[in-house]
Amino acid sequence: MATLPEARGKGAARGVIAALAAWAGAHAADRMYLQVERDNIPALRLYGRAGFSEICGYHYRTAE
């Protein structure tokens, strides 16, 4: 998910998360997972406020 800079802080992302959570609950999901880059501080704050917490890290590998 990405939010345009001029749209940030107006609740759109919170609304998307709430809608996804409602859909998941209606389909008997007992968990939701997401992946976010560690340096994306605004996203980490948003997801933290929504009740998400880190359960593991990840990294990318490239062949050179």
Protein backbone atom coordinates (compact mmCIF):
# COMPACT_ATOMS: atom_id res chain seq x y z
CA MET A 1 0.00 0.00 0.00
CA ALA A 2 1.24 3.49 -0.70
CA THR A 3 -0.23 6.87 0.15
CA LEU A 4 0.37 10.04 -1.82
CA PRO A 5 2.18 12.64 0.31
CA GLU A 6 -0.70 15.10 0.04
CA ALA A 7 -3.18 12.45 1.25
CA ARG A 8 -1.21 11.37 4.31
CA GLY A 9 -2.64 11.87 7.77
CA LYS A 10 -6.26 11.97 6.61
CA GLY A 11 -7.29 8.44 7.61
CA ALA A 12 -7.29 6.71 4.22
CA ALA A 13 -4.75 4.05 5.22
CA ARG A 14 -6.54 3.45 8.54
CA GLY A 15 -9.74 2.96 6.56
CA VAL A 16 -8.10 0.44 4.24
CA ILE A 17 -6.69 -1.51 7.21
CA ALA A 18 -10.10 -1.48 8.93
CA ALA A 19 -11.84 -2.68 5.76
CA LEU A 20 -9.30 -5.47 5.27
CA ALA A 21 -9.66 -6.51 8.92
CA ALA A 22 -13.45 -6.58 8.57
CA TRP A 23 -13.19 -8.69 5.41
CA ALA A 24 -10.72 -11.06 7.08
CA GLY A 25 -12.95 -11.43 10.12
CA ALA A 26 -15.98 -12.11 7.95
CA HIS A 27 -14.01 -14.90 6.29
CA ALA A 28 -12.96 -16.53 9.57
CA ALA A 29 -9.35 -15.36 9.44
CA ASP A 30 -7.85 -15.23 12.91
CA ARG A 31 -4.68 -13.38 11.92
CA MET A 32 -3.46 -10.76 9.49
CA TYR A 33 0.14 -10.38 8.35
CA LEU A 34 1.95 -7.70 6.42
CA GLN A 35 5.46 -6.90 5.33
CA VAL A 36 6.99 -3.47 5.64
CA GLU A 37 10.52 -2.20 5.15
CA ARG A 38 12.33 -1.33 8.38
CA ASP A 39 13.12 2.23 7.30
CA ASN A 40 9.48 3.07 6.52
CA ILE A 41 8.84 4.83 9.82
CA PRO A 42 5.40 6.27 8.91
CA ALA A 43 4.16 2.79 7.93
CA LEU A 44 5.60 1.23 11.09
CA ARG A 45 3.77 3.83 13.18
CA LEU A 46 0.52 3.30 11.28
CA TYR A 47 0.63 -0.47 11.60
CA GLY A 48 1.71 -0.27 15.25
CA ARG A 49 -1.32 1.89 16.04
CA ALA A 50 -3.46 -0.69 14.24
CA GLY A 51 -2.18 -3.41 16.58
CA PHE A 52 0.48 -5.02 14.41
CA SER A 53 3.83 -6.01 15.90
CA GLU A 54 7.01 -7.41 14.44
CA ILE A 55 7.34 -11.19 14.47
CA CYS A 56 10.36 -11.63 12.19
CA GLY A 57 12.75 -9.79 9.92
CA TYR A 58 13.68 -10.37 6.32
CA HIS A 59 16.30 -9.41 3.79
CA TYR A 60 16.77 -9.58 0.04
CA ARG A 61 19.47 -11.51 -1.78
CA THR A 62 20.74 -10.63 -5.19
CA ALA A 63 23.07 -12.46 -7.54
CA GLU A 64 25.89 -10.43 -8.99
